[in-house]
Protein backbone atom coordinates (compact mmCIF):
# COMPACT_ATOMS: atom_id res chain seq x y z
CA MET A 1 118.80 59.84 40.57
CA GLU A 2 116.26 57.81 42.53
CA ALA A 3 112.65 59.25 42.40
CA THR A 4 111.02 60.48 45.44
CA ILE A 5 107.67 59.46 46.53
CA LEU A 6 105.44 61.05 48.75
CA ILE A 7 102.98 58.71 50.63
CA VAL A 8 100.04 60.68 52.07
CA ASP A 9 98.00 58.36 54.57
CA ASP A 10 96.77 58.40 58.26
CA GLU A 11 96.92 54.49 58.52
CA PRO A 12 100.53 53.95 59.89
CA ASN A 13 100.29 50.15 58.86
CA ILE A 14 99.52 51.15 55.33
CA VAL A 15 102.35 53.90 55.29
CA GLU A 16 104.90 51.38 56.41
CA LEU A 17 104.03 48.63 54.06
CA ASN A 18 103.94 50.98 50.91
CA ARG A 19 107.26 52.37 52.18
CA LEU A 20 108.70 48.87 52.41
CA TYR A 21 107.77 47.92 49.14
CA LEU A 22 108.54 51.33 47.32
CA GLU A 23 111.99 51.37 48.86
CA GLY A 24 112.68 47.83 47.97
CA ALA A 25 111.96 49.05 44.22
CA GLY A 26 114.56 51.66 44.71
CA TYR A 27 112.48 54.93 45.52
CA ARG A 28 113.35 57.29 48.13
CA VAL A 29 110.08 57.74 50.34
CA LEU A 30 108.59 60.59 52.35
CA THR A 31 105.58 60.28 54.43
CA ALA A 32 102.68 62.72 55.65
CA ARG A 33 99.66 61.52 57.80
CA THR A 34 97.53 64.65 57.26
CA GLY A 35 96.21 66.89 54.18
CA GLN A 36 97.95 69.97 55.70
CA GLU A 37 101.34 67.98 56.23
CA ALA A 38 101.05 66.59 52.83
CA LEU A 39 100.86 70.17 51.23
CA GLU A 40 103.96 71.41 53.47
CA ARG A 41 106.04 68.26 52.37
CA PHE A 42 105.06 68.88 48.81
CA ARG A 43 106.21 72.10 48.85
CA SER A 44 109.30 71.99 50.69
CA ASP A 45 110.63 68.65 49.18
CA HIS A 46 108.88 68.72 45.59
CA PRO A 47 108.49 64.91 45.32
CA ASP A 48 108.40 63.19 41.94
CA LEU A 49 105.08 61.55 42.53
CA ILE A 50 102.26 61.52 45.27
CA VAL A 51 100.42 58.41 46.58
CA LEU A 52 97.33 60.25 48.03
CA ASP A 53 94.84 58.76 50.37
CA LEU A 54 91.38 60.45 50.19
CA MET A 55 90.09 59.87 53.48
CA LEU A 56 92.42 62.14 55.59
CA PRO A 57 91.50 64.03 58.85
CA GLY A 58 91.00 67.72 58.22
CA LEU A 59 92.03 68.81 54.79
CA ASP A 60 90.95 65.50 52.86
CA GLY A 61 92.59 64.20 49.54
CA TRP A 62 90.16 65.86 47.31
CA GLY A 63 91.45 69.13 48.79
CA VAL A 64 95.01 68.25 48.80
CA CYS A 65 94.77 67.27 45.01
CA ARG A 66 92.91 70.33 44.14
CA ALA A 67 95.61 72.48 45.87
CA ILE A 68 98.42 70.73 44.16
CA ARG A 69 96.95 71.10 40.88
CA GLN A 70 96.74 74.67 41.17
CA GLU A 71 100.72 74.94 41.64
CA SER A 72 101.98 71.67 39.84
CA GLN A 73 101.49 68.86 37.58
CA THR A 74 103.27 66.55 39.71
CA PRO A 75 101.73 62.87 39.27
CA ILE A 76 99.26 61.83 41.87
CA ILE A 77 97.87 58.22 42.42
CA MET A 78 94.77 58.26 44.70
CA LEU A 79 94.16 55.60 47.28
CA THR A 80 90.80 54.94 48.50
CA ALA A 81 88.44 52.21 50.16
CA ARG A 82 85.48 53.88 48.15
CA THR A 83 84.70 51.84 45.06
CA GLU A 84 81.84 54.17 43.71
CA ASP A 85 82.51 54.83 39.96
CA ILE A 86 81.57 58.49 40.76
CA ASP A 87 84.46 58.76 42.97
CA ARG A 88 86.97 57.64 40.43
CA ILE A 89 85.91 60.06 37.89
CA LEU A 90 85.68 62.81 40.15
CA GLY A 91 89.38 62.03 41.18
CA LEU A 92 90.44 61.76 37.67
CA GLU A 93 88.71 65.01 36.83
CA LEU A 94 90.63 66.69 39.48
CA GLY A 95 93.81 65.75 38.16
CA ALA A 96 94.84 62.26 39.48
CA ASP A 97 97.05 60.41 37.21
CA ASP A 98 95.75 57.06 38.52
CA TYR A 99 93.45 55.36 41.07
CA VAL A 100 93.84 52.50 43.28
CA THR A 101 91.17 50.85 45.49
CA LYS A 102 91.78 49.44 48.92
CA PRO A 103 92.55 46.54 49.54
CA TYR A 104 95.40 46.26 46.92
CA ASN A 105 98.47 44.33 46.63
CA PRO A 106 101.38 46.67 47.37
CA ARG A 107 103.32 45.26 44.37
CA GLU A 108 100.51 46.40 42.13
CA LEU A 109 101.08 49.91 43.57
CA VAL A 110 104.69 49.60 42.83
CA ALA A 111 103.79 48.78 39.22
CA ARG A 112 101.56 51.67 38.90
CA VAL A 113 104.10 54.07 40.35
CA ARG A 114 106.48 52.96 37.84
CA ALA A 115 103.99 53.35 34.87
CA VAL A 116 103.12 56.67 35.85
CA LEU A 117 106.84 57.57 36.41
CA ARG A 118 107.82 56.07 33.16
CA ARG A 119 105.15 58.14 31.15
CA THR A 120 105.88 61.38 33.31
CA ASN A 121 109.48 61.51 33.80
CA PRO A 122 111.25 63.33 30.80
CA ALA A 123 114.23 61.44 31.60
CA ALA A 124 112.48 58.45 30.74
CA GLU A 125 111.73 59.59 27.32
CA THR A 126 114.05 59.20 24.47
CA ALA A 127 115.61 62.40 24.11
CA ALA A 128 116.07 62.38 20.42
CA ALA A 129 112.42 61.86 19.93
CA ALA A 130 111.32 64.00 16.82
CA PRO A 131 108.19 65.92 17.44
CA LEU A 132 105.01 64.95 15.70
CA THR A 133 102.42 66.65 13.66
CA LEU A 134 99.03 66.01 12.66
CA GLY A 135 96.68 68.56 11.11
CA ASP A 136 97.55 71.76 13.10
CA VAL A 137 98.80 69.96 16.22
CA THR A 138 102.28 69.62 17.03
CA LEU A 139 103.58 67.30 20.11
CA ASP A 140 107.16 67.60 21.25
CA PRO A 141 107.91 64.27 23.24
CA ALA A 142 111.39 65.55 24.35
CA ARG A 143 110.04 68.94 25.74
CA ARG A 144 106.69 67.42 26.51
CA THR A 145 104.98 70.16 24.69
CA VAL A 146 101.79 70.41 22.55
CA HIS A 147 100.66 73.20 20.22
CA VAL A 148 97.52 73.94 18.26
CA GLY A 149 99.04 76.10 15.59
CA ALA A 150 101.13 78.56 17.59
CA THR A 151 98.94 78.23 20.64
CA PRO A 152 100.40 75.93 23.44
CA VAL A 153 98.21 73.51 25.15
CA ASN A 154 98.43 72.75 28.80
CA LEU A 155 97.96 68.97 29.11
CA ARG A 156 98.09 66.78 32.44
CA ALA A 157 100.88 64.24 32.38
CA LYS A 158 98.46 61.37 31.22
CA GLU A 159 96.70 63.34 28.71
CA PHE A 160 99.88 64.12 27.01
CA ASP A 161 100.83 60.43 26.84
CA LEU A 162 97.46 59.65 25.66
CA LEU A 163 97.56 62.13 22.88
CA GLN A 164 101.24 60.85 21.92
CA HIS A 165 100.06 57.31 21.69
CA LEU A 166 97.08 58.35 19.44
CA MET A 167 99.28 60.58 17.19
CA GLU A 168 101.66 57.88 16.83
CA ASN A 169 98.63 55.57 15.73
CA ALA A 170 96.70 58.38 13.89
CA GLY A 171 93.73 56.83 12.01
CA ILE A 172 94.01 53.33 13.63
CA VAL A 173 91.32 52.39 15.94
CA LEU A 174 92.82 51.58 19.42
CA SER A 175 90.78 49.62 21.97
CA ARG A 176 90.28 50.90 25.47
CA GLU A 177 92.23 47.83 26.84
CA ARG A 178 95.04 48.61 24.35
CA LEU A 179 95.37 52.29 25.49
CA LEU A 180 95.23 51.24 29.43
CA ASN A 181 98.03 48.82 28.71
CA GLN A 182 100.05 51.11 26.54
CA VAL A 183 99.47 54.52 28.05
CA TRP A 184 98.91 53.68 31.87
CA GLY A 185 101.40 50.58 31.68
CA TYR A 186 99.04 47.99 33.03
CA ASP A 187 95.94 45.62 32.09
CA PHE A 188 93.60 46.01 34.86
CA ALA A 189 89.98 44.76 34.32
CA GLY A 190 87.27 47.01 34.98
CA GLU A 191 89.65 50.32 34.77
CA THR A 192 88.54 51.25 31.10
CA ARG A 193 86.61 54.06 32.30
CA THR A 194 89.81 55.72 33.21
CA VAL A 195 90.50 55.83 29.44
CA ASP A 196 87.17 57.24 28.63
CA VAL A 197 87.64 60.11 31.26
CA HIS A 198 90.84 60.98 29.79
CA VAL A 199 89.46 60.98 26.42
CA ALA A 200 86.95 63.60 27.23
CA ALA A 201 89.44 65.92 28.86
CA LEU A 202 91.78 65.51 25.75
CA ARG A 203 88.65 66.46 23.45
CA ARG A 204 88.16 69.66 25.48
CA GLU A 205 91.84 70.69 25.10
CA LEU A 206 91.65 69.97 21.47
CA ARG A 207 88.50 71.57 20.73
CA ASN A 208 90.07 74.46 18.61
CA SER A 209 92.37 72.20 16.52
CA ASN A 210 91.35 70.65 13.14
CA VAL A 211 91.99 67.10 14.30
CA ALA A 212 89.25 64.87 15.84
CA LEU A 213 89.35 62.26 18.47
CA GLU A 214 86.43 59.81 17.23
CA THR A 215 84.68 57.07 19.20
CA VAL A 216 84.32 53.77 17.50
CA TRP A 217 81.47 52.28 19.35
CA GLY A 218 82.17 49.11 20.84
CA ILE A 219 85.91 49.22 20.18
CA GLY A 220 87.54 52.33 21.21
CA TYR A 221 88.98 55.43 19.71
CA LYS A 222 91.21 56.95 16.69
CA LEU A 223 92.69 60.13 16.26
CA VAL A 224 92.19 61.72 12.77
CA GLY A 225 93.29 65.02 11.15
CA PRO A 226 92.26 66.92 7.94
CA PRO A 227 91.74 64.74 4.91
CA SER A 228 94.92 62.99 3.47
CA THR A 229 97.05 63.77 6.67
CA ALA A 230 98.84 61.41 8.99
CA ALA A 231 101.11 62.09 11.98
CA GLN A 232 104.68 62.85 10.76
CA PRO A 233 107.81 63.84 12.33
CA SER A 234 108.34 67.54 11.96
CA ARG A 235 111.22 68.72 9.72
């Protein structure tokens, strides 16, 4: 089945351009012009991904993202003309999966939509993928679940993907650029702060585990478990 994308933007030209490119890539596209309309479409049509502009009349994109995250982990790509780093960080901390600054090439948006859906759509995962364990952390790629011991851990979609990649490469130092490319699906100069924000969130979620997400200064990150352990398929 084709994925459904909800575009939320009050600029008709941007909406139609994004619609043209996304439909050309094979997606079903819905649109909304206000924050309130976006929430109504989200609740009635259950899109697979939301492309969300921040500067909306009435309820703005921050409010829309916050409301959606109270109900769902549906992937969100934020669009904005604001370039301040603090806006990017706030958007990611509110639960956005990606962040695109205007002006942008619509082909880039399509690429990012594909990358996010590839990582968040369970159908895109290998059904037979075996769970991974490292220390007391268990990750099941097929069910997209994470447990610390017997306790479930609720991760956002991109946090899950990041943890999976780190567990698959446990003990190996991974650069921010590699993580950006492998987990987010693109290589975009200047976006490595995205990785840092998600690493910080993942550390908070794993604070009660016996694994550590270490910073290797000047290079990137590595995930380590208790002595003499490595991530292995669960039996």
